[in-house]
N, C-alpha and C. Protein backbone atom coordinates (compact mmCIF):
# COMPACT_ATOMS: atom_id res chain seq x y z
N UNK A 1 111.93 105.00 88.35
CA UNK A 1 111.01 105.64 89.08
C UNK A 1 111.00 107.40 88.67
N UNK A 2 110.07 108.13 89.00
CA UNK A 2 109.80 109.41 88.47
C UNK A 2 110.28 110.23 89.99
N UNK A 3 110.91 111.24 89.80
CA UNK A 3 111.16 112.04 90.91
C UNK A 3 110.51 113.35 91.12
N UNK A 4 110.29 113.87 92.15
CA UNK A 4 109.37 115.45 92.35
C UNK A 4 110.59 116.36 92.48
N UNK A 5 111.63 115.98 92.89
CA UNK A 5 112.81 116.74 93.61
C UNK A 5 113.87 116.87 92.36
N UNK A 6 114.78 117.89 92.74
CA UNK A 6 116.11 118.16 91.84
C UNK A 6 116.74 116.62 91.74
N UNK A 7 116.91 116.31 90.32
CA UNK A 7 117.74 114.88 90.74
C UNK A 7 119.30 115.09 90.96
N UNK A 8 119.73 114.08 91.46
CA UNK A 8 121.20 113.87 91.90
C UNK A 8 121.85 113.78 90.61
N UNK A 9 123.17 113.48 90.61
CA UNK A 9 123.79 113.54 92.15
C UNK A 9 123.96 115.07 92.37
N UNK A 10 123.96 115.37 93.60
CA UNK A 10 124.24 116.74 94.09
C UNK A 10 125.85 116.59 94.84
N UNK A 11 126.28 117.76 94.66
CA UNK A 11 127.63 117.81 95.10
C UNK A 11 127.75 118.93 96.23
N UNK A 12 128.88 118.98 97.14
CA UNK A 12 128.85 120.13 98.08
C UNK A 12 130.06 120.93 97.31
N UNK A 13 129.79 122.41 97.55
CA UNK A 13 130.95 123.32 97.02
C UNK A 13 131.27 124.42 98.16
N UNK A 14 132.25 125.30 98.12
CA UNK A 14 132.15 126.26 99.01
C UNK A 14 131.06 127.19 98.72
N UNK A 15 130.50 127.96 99.79
CA UNK A 15 129.59 128.86 99.86
C UNK A 15 129.72 130.05 98.55
N UNK A 16 128.90 130.10 97.85
CA UNK A 16 128.74 131.27 96.89
C UNK A 16 128.52 132.73 97.61
N UNK A 17 128.06 132.66 98.97
CA UNK A 17 127.71 133.94 99.52
C UNK A 17 128.61 134.39 100.48
N UNK A 18 129.75 135.19 100.07
CA UNK A 18 130.85 135.77 101.04
C UNK A 18 130.32 136.09 102.49
N UNK A 19 129.02 136.58 102.44
CA UNK A 19 128.67 136.95 104.03
C UNK A 19 128.35 135.64 104.94
N UNK A 20 128.38 134.42 104.36
CA UNK A 20 128.22 133.42 104.99
C UNK A 20 129.34 132.72 105.96
N UNK A 21 130.35 133.18 105.56
CA UNK A 21 131.47 132.77 106.27
C UNK A 21 132.00 131.24 105.59
N UNK A 22 132.74 130.86 106.51
CA UNK A 22 133.46 129.52 105.88
C UNK A 22 132.54 128.02 106.58
N UNK A 23 131.65 128.36 107.28
CA UNK A 23 130.84 127.36 107.90
C UNK A 23 129.75 126.75 107.04
N UNK A 24 129.67 127.57 105.88
CA UNK A 24 128.45 127.30 105.18
C UNK A 24 128.75 126.83 103.62
N UNK A 25 128.11 125.91 103.15
CA UNK A 25 128.27 125.23 101.83
C UNK A 25 127.29 125.41 100.82
N UNK A 26 127.40 125.39 99.68
CA UNK A 26 126.38 125.10 98.59
C UNK A 26 126.17 123.93 98.36
N UNK A 27 124.86 123.40 98.01
CA UNK A 27 124.53 122.27 97.43
C UNK A 27 124.14 122.25 96.13
N UNK A 28 124.72 121.65 95.05
CA UNK A 28 124.70 121.81 93.52
C UNK A 28 124.44 120.63 92.91
N UNK A 29 123.03 120.76 92.33
CA UNK A 29 122.82 119.54 91.36
C UNK A 29 123.82 119.30 90.16
N UNK A 30 124.37 118.46 89.69
CA UNK A 30 125.33 118.16 88.91
C UNK A 30 124.66 118.42 87.52
N UNK A 31 123.43 118.10 87.31
CA UNK A 31 122.77 118.59 86.03
C UNK A 31 123.52 118.24 85.10
N UNK A 32 123.98 118.95 84.12
CA UNK A 32 124.88 118.51 83.00
C UNK A 32 126.08 119.33 83.07
N UNK A 33 126.92 119.09 82.26
CA UNK A 33 128.33 119.49 82.89
C UNK A 33 128.21 121.06 82.32
N UNK A 34 127.34 121.57 81.54
CA UNK A 34 127.45 122.94 81.13
C UNK A 34 126.19 123.77 81.85
N UNK A 35 125.34 122.81 82.66
CA UNK A 35 124.35 123.81 83.38
C UNK A 35 123.99 123.09 84.69
N UNK A 36 124.96 123.10 85.64
CA UNK A 36 124.64 123.06 87.16
C UNK A 36 123.51 123.57 87.49
N UNK A 37 122.75 122.98 88.61
CA UNK A 37 121.65 123.88 89.13
C UNK A 37 121.88 124.31 90.73
N UNK A 38 121.68 125.18 91.22
CA UNK A 38 121.83 125.34 92.74
C UNK A 38 120.56 124.79 93.35
N UNK A 39 121.06 123.93 94.35
CA UNK A 39 119.79 123.19 95.25
C UNK A 39 119.61 124.20 96.32
N UNK A 40 120.65 124.44 97.24
CA UNK A 40 120.35 125.26 98.34
C UNK A 40 121.86 125.35 98.89
N UNK A 41 121.67 125.99 100.35
CA UNK A 41 122.99 125.74 100.95
C UNK A 41 122.56 125.49 102.56
N UNK A 42 123.70 124.91 103.16
CA UNK A 42 123.46 124.50 104.61
C UNK A 42 124.64 124.63 105.36
N UNK A 43 124.76 124.52 106.35
CA UNK A 43 126.23 124.44 107.29
C UNK A 43 126.92 123.01 106.80
N UNK A 44 128.18 123.21 106.90
CA UNK A 44 128.86 122.14 106.36
C UNK A 44 128.64 120.81 106.98
N UNK A 45 128.18 120.75 108.24
CA UNK A 45 128.17 119.66 108.98
C UNK A 45 127.00 118.89 108.43
N UNK A 46 125.94 119.66 107.70
CA UNK A 46 124.53 119.33 107.23
C UNK A 46 124.80 118.95 105.80
N UNK A 47 125.65 119.74 105.04
CA UNK A 47 125.54 119.69 103.47
C UNK A 47 125.92 118.29 102.95
N UNK A 48 126.76 117.59 103.48
CA UNK A 48 127.15 116.39 102.79
C UNK A 48 125.99 115.32 103.07
N UNK A 49 125.09 115.49 104.02
CA UNK A 49 124.09 114.40 104.36
C UNK A 49 123.00 115.01 103.50
N UNK A 50 122.87 116.16 103.16
CA UNK A 50 121.94 116.72 102.33
C UNK A 50 122.15 116.21 100.87
N UNK A 51 123.31 116.52 100.47
CA UNK A 51 123.90 116.32 99.18
C UNK A 51 123.54 114.69 98.98
N UNK A 52 123.78 113.93 99.95
CA UNK A 52 123.65 112.29 99.76
C UNK A 52 122.19 111.95 99.44
N UNK A 53 121.37 112.84 99.86
CA UNK A 53 119.76 112.44 99.92
C UNK A 53 119.35 111.69 98.59
N UNK A 54 119.44 112.19 97.18
CA UNK A 54 119.05 111.57 96.31
C UNK A 54 119.37 110.11 96.10
N UNK A 55 120.81 109.93 96.39
CA UNK A 55 121.32 108.39 96.44
C UNK A 55 120.82 107.80 97.45
N UNK A 56 120.41 108.32 98.65
CA UNK A 56 119.89 107.30 99.66
C UNK A 56 118.60 107.08 99.51
N UNK A 57 117.93 107.98 99.04
CA UNK A 57 116.51 107.76 98.59
C UNK A 57 116.41 106.77 97.56
N UNK A 58 117.18 106.82 96.52
CA UNK A 58 117.13 105.82 95.48
C UNK A 58 117.54 104.44 95.79
N UNK A 59 118.51 104.33 96.80
CA UNK A 59 118.91 102.91 97.41
C UNK A 59 117.80 102.38 98.25
N UNK A 60 117.08 103.32 99.00
CA UNK A 60 115.99 102.79 99.93
C UNK A 60 114.91 102.15 98.97
N UNK A 61 114.59 102.87 97.95
CA UNK A 61 113.47 102.51 97.25
C UNK A 61 113.96 100.98 96.31
N UNK A 62 115.11 101.04 95.90
CA UNK A 62 115.86 99.92 95.31
C UNK A 62 115.55 98.63 96.38
N UNK A 63 116.21 98.76 97.74
CA UNK A 63 115.99 97.73 98.80
C UNK A 63 114.62 97.12 98.83
N UNK A 64 113.77 98.37 98.98
CA UNK A 64 112.40 97.96 99.25
C UNK A 64 111.81 97.02 98.14
N UNK A 65 112.41 97.55 97.09
CA UNK A 65 111.62 96.65 95.64
C UNK A 65 112.23 95.18 95.96
N UNK A 66 113.41 95.14 96.04
CA UNK A 66 113.86 93.82 96.43
C UNK A 66 113.39 92.95 97.54
N UNK A 67 113.13 93.51 98.60
CA UNK A 67 112.66 92.93 99.83
C UNK A 67 111.34 92.54 99.35
N UNK A 68 110.42 93.20 98.32
CA UNK A 68 108.93 92.94 98.22
C UNK A 68 108.92 91.74 97.35
N UNK A 69 109.98 91.73 96.39
CA UNK A 69 110.23 90.53 95.53
C UNK A 69 110.46 89.35 96.14
N UNK A 70 111.43 89.34 97.01
CA UNK A 70 111.70 88.26 97.89
C UNK A 70 110.45 87.67 98.75
N UNK A 71 109.60 88.88 99.42
CA UNK A 71 108.50 88.48 100.15
C UNK A 71 107.69 87.55 99.35
N UNK A 72 107.34 88.25 98.09
CA UNK A 72 106.52 87.54 97.21
C UNK A 72 106.89 86.23 96.86
N UNK A 73 108.03 85.91 96.52
CA UNK A 73 108.64 84.70 96.02
C UNK A 73 108.44 83.65 97.04
N UNK A 74 108.59 84.13 98.40
CA UNK A 74 108.26 83.37 99.60
C UNK A 74 106.99 82.70 99.63
N UNK A 75 106.17 83.63 99.63
CA UNK A 75 104.64 83.31 99.47
C UNK A 75 104.22 82.42 98.46
N UNK A 76 104.72 82.55 97.20
CA UNK A 76 104.61 81.75 96.03
C UNK A 76 105.20 80.31 96.21
N UNK A 77 106.14 80.28 97.02
CA UNK A 77 106.67 78.81 97.41
C UNK A 77 105.88 78.19 98.48
N UNK A 78 104.98 78.90 99.10
CA UNK A 78 104.07 78.61 100.09
C UNK A 78 104.83 78.46 101.53
N UNK A 79 105.72 79.41 101.54
CA UNK A 79 106.37 79.42 103.04
C UNK A 79 105.32 80.72 103.69
N UNK A 80 104.80 80.18 104.83
CA UNK A 80 104.17 80.92 105.41
C UNK A 80 104.51 81.45 106.98
N UNK A 81 105.87 81.00 107.25
CA UNK A 81 106.28 81.63 108.25
C UNK A 81 106.51 82.86 108.30
N UNK A 82 106.16 83.82 109.54
CA UNK A 82 106.28 85.13 109.19
C UNK A 82 107.80 85.51 109.51
N UNK A 83 108.00 86.91 108.68
CA UNK A 83 109.19 87.07 108.52
C UNK A 83 109.08 88.60 109.11
N UNK A 84 109.05 88.65 110.68
CA UNK A 84 108.74 89.88 111.23
C UNK A 84 110.02 91.10 111.07
N UNK A 85 111.33 90.47 110.79
CA UNK A 85 112.10 91.64 110.55
C UNK A 85 111.95 92.12 109.36
N UNK A 86 111.89 91.22 108.36
CA UNK A 86 111.70 91.57 107.01
C UNK A 86 110.49 92.75 106.78
N UNK A 87 109.53 92.23 107.54
CA UNK A 87 108.10 93.07 107.08
C UNK A 87 108.61 94.50 108.11
N UNK A 88 109.15 94.57 109.19
CA UNK A 88 109.45 95.63 109.79
C UNK A 88 110.17 96.54 109.16
N UNK A 89 111.16 95.88 108.70
CA UNK A 89 112.17 96.78 107.62
C UNK A 89 111.54 97.09 106.19
N UNK A 90 110.53 96.61 105.91
CA UNK A 90 109.89 97.01 104.71
C UNK A 90 109.11 98.23 105.17
N UNK A 91 108.25 98.21 106.30
CA UNK A 91 107.62 99.22 106.75
C UNK A 91 108.42 100.40 107.09
N UNK A 92 109.26 100.20 107.52
CA UNK A 92 110.43 101.36 108.10
C UNK A 92 110.91 102.09 106.61
N UNK A 93 111.08 101.30 105.59
CA UNK A 93 111.68 101.71 104.43
C UNK A 93 110.35 102.60 103.94
N UNK A 94 109.32 101.91 103.92
CA UNK A 94 108.15 102.75 103.01
C UNK A 94 107.95 104.14 103.92
N UNK A 95 107.96 104.14 105.23
CA UNK A 95 107.96 105.32 105.87
C UNK A 95 108.93 106.22 105.54
N UNK A 96 110.28 105.92 105.56
CA UNK A 96 111.32 106.85 105.02
C UNK A 96 111.13 107.45 103.86
N UNK A 97 110.72 106.55 102.98
CA UNK A 97 110.55 107.22 101.53
C UNK A 97 109.40 108.00 101.48
N UNK A 98 108.57 107.68 102.04
CA UNK A 98 107.36 108.74 102.26
C UNK A 98 107.59 110.14 102.72
N UNK A 99 108.48 110.01 104.01
CA UNK A 99 109.09 111.16 104.39
C UNK A 99 109.73 111.90 103.55
N UNK A 100 110.74 111.23 102.81
CA UNK A 100 111.49 111.90 101.97
C UNK A 100 110.75 112.71 100.57
N UNK A 101 109.68 111.78 100.12
CA UNK A 101 108.99 112.27 98.86
C UNK A 101 107.69 113.11 99.41
N UNK A 102 107.39 113.32 100.49
CA UNK A 102 106.30 113.87 101.11
C UNK A 102 105.26 113.36 100.66
N UNK A 103 105.12 112.04 100.62
CA UNK A 103 103.73 111.23 100.39
C UNK A 103 103.70 109.85 100.80
N UNK A 104 102.78 109.17 100.68
CA UNK A 104 102.50 107.96 101.25
C UNK A 104 102.83 107.03 99.88
N UNK A 105 103.40 105.78 100.58
CA UNK A 105 104.08 104.80 99.90
C UNK A 105 103.04 103.60 99.76
């Protein structure tokens, strides 16, 4: 899958701006070992969640693909009973992915 965002993994480091104080952290893309790239900064309480975003997005996309394959296999086997939980989960994942990527799924 192609990404429109700075690719992960992202890490959290001490703020590079001394005026921010100790509650702020830098979020840095690992890039290559010789060329990390600055992503942004956030309060420490938010920085770890933000840094996990690329992996969380990738996991959501992977789970959605697996659920779609499972659904297609069930349909191919002639199973017609509704799988409301699975369908709702797939819809929720599509919505979360669309929100994260700025587009429709």
